[in-house]
Amino acid sequence: MGVWTSRHNGPRRSSPEQLRARLDELLAEARKNEHKMRRFQALELTLFGLHSLHELLRALLYPDRSQFDWDIITIVLVDAEYELRRVLEGNDDIVLHPNLSFVDSDRVLQSLYPPLALTPIIGAYKASAYRMLFSNVQEKPASVMLLPLARQGKLIGSLNIGSFDRQRFARGYRTDFMKHLAAVVSICIENATNMERIKLLGLTDTLTGANNRRYFDQRLEEEIEISRRSHQPLACLMLDMDHFKHINDQYGHQTGDRVLKQATQLARAELRGSDVLARYGGEEFVALLTQTDTSVAREVAERIRRSVANQTFTSVDGQVFRLTLSAGIATTSHLAGGVINGAELVAYADKALYDAKQGGRNRVVSA
């Protein structure tokens, strides 16, 4: 008679040794994730504790290499109004950092990140797609993690991390911590930018929207020093409305205020985003043009003069009139003996403005 045997077709049971080994693996993975979480938390707390855009970008561009094995870090920020670059001017270690760049529109970044799914991009470096993000990096990465920076669904930049190891950021890499970091960085950039805006409110002329005298005085010495170190010319334009007292007397101060606002807009339209335009006092304005020699400064001043002269102004009661402007120019590139300080540059420009007034007004004179 045969012997019946039963055959168990279910899953094989793991031995105690196998279970213990698997448990050890899980514990090791948990410890690794905990260590990673602590590193990211420490970085995020550091970022939250910084109150200036300069400090924030510095912390991101110079992370603790002992904690993060990232070979390359670059940052691209959307700066349509030149606001961020204006805030950072004077901080050459950051604004001139090769791994920090600015774009005037988020269009380029939108081509990378789908608008409805702002998720990190992980994988091999693709020169055709990612060159702009690593444009100033001599040795390109082998693998990358690209983190979209966004607030309220709008792209404000991209934090780009690269490795020379092709497998460092391979597909399948978990992005939980990186997504959280991107969110924190986005919030910190927004907060820092808002803080800088508040600071600038105290440096802005409330009537015209131009910078005020205090801001100009601060920037003047900074730009003089930059000009001296870089051996690039710096131009100063003194601008003054001709017979402005007559405008106030005939049409009233409300009309005078309106004229100053319009004239400011006309002048700003002829300047670059990197140039400084400030109300110096009354109907007098001053502009600093970086990396600008006398001939170019004269062209700019002439454009401003013509723009004002060709503009039709209207009083609050509907009367139409015209106005002219005089300008004086001084640049660091042609003054004998070189400029010692900002006050000297302004004095030369002011003397040139005086000569323009004495010469009949509605003209530009160079020192």
Foldseek 3Di string as FASTA:
>chain_A
DDDDDDDDPDDDDDDPVVVVVVVVVVVVVVVVVVLLVVLLVVLLVVLVPDQAPLVNQVCQQDPDCVSDVFPHKAKEFADQLCLVVLSCPLVCCRSVPLRYYYDNDCVLVCVVAPLVGQDKDWAADDCVNCCVNCVSPPDFAGIKIKHFADDPSHTGIIIITGHNDRPPGHPVDDCPSVNVSSPSSNVSNVSNSVSSVVVQVVQADPLQRAGEQVVCVVVLQSLLVVCVVVVAKKKKKKKAWPPLVVVCVPQNVVLSSVLLNVLSVLLVVLADSNKHWYAHDDRMIMIMHTRDDDVRVQVSVLSSQVSQQPDWGAGPVGDIDGIGMEMFMEMQPDDPPGDPGSVRRVVQRVVQRVVCVVVPGSYYGYD
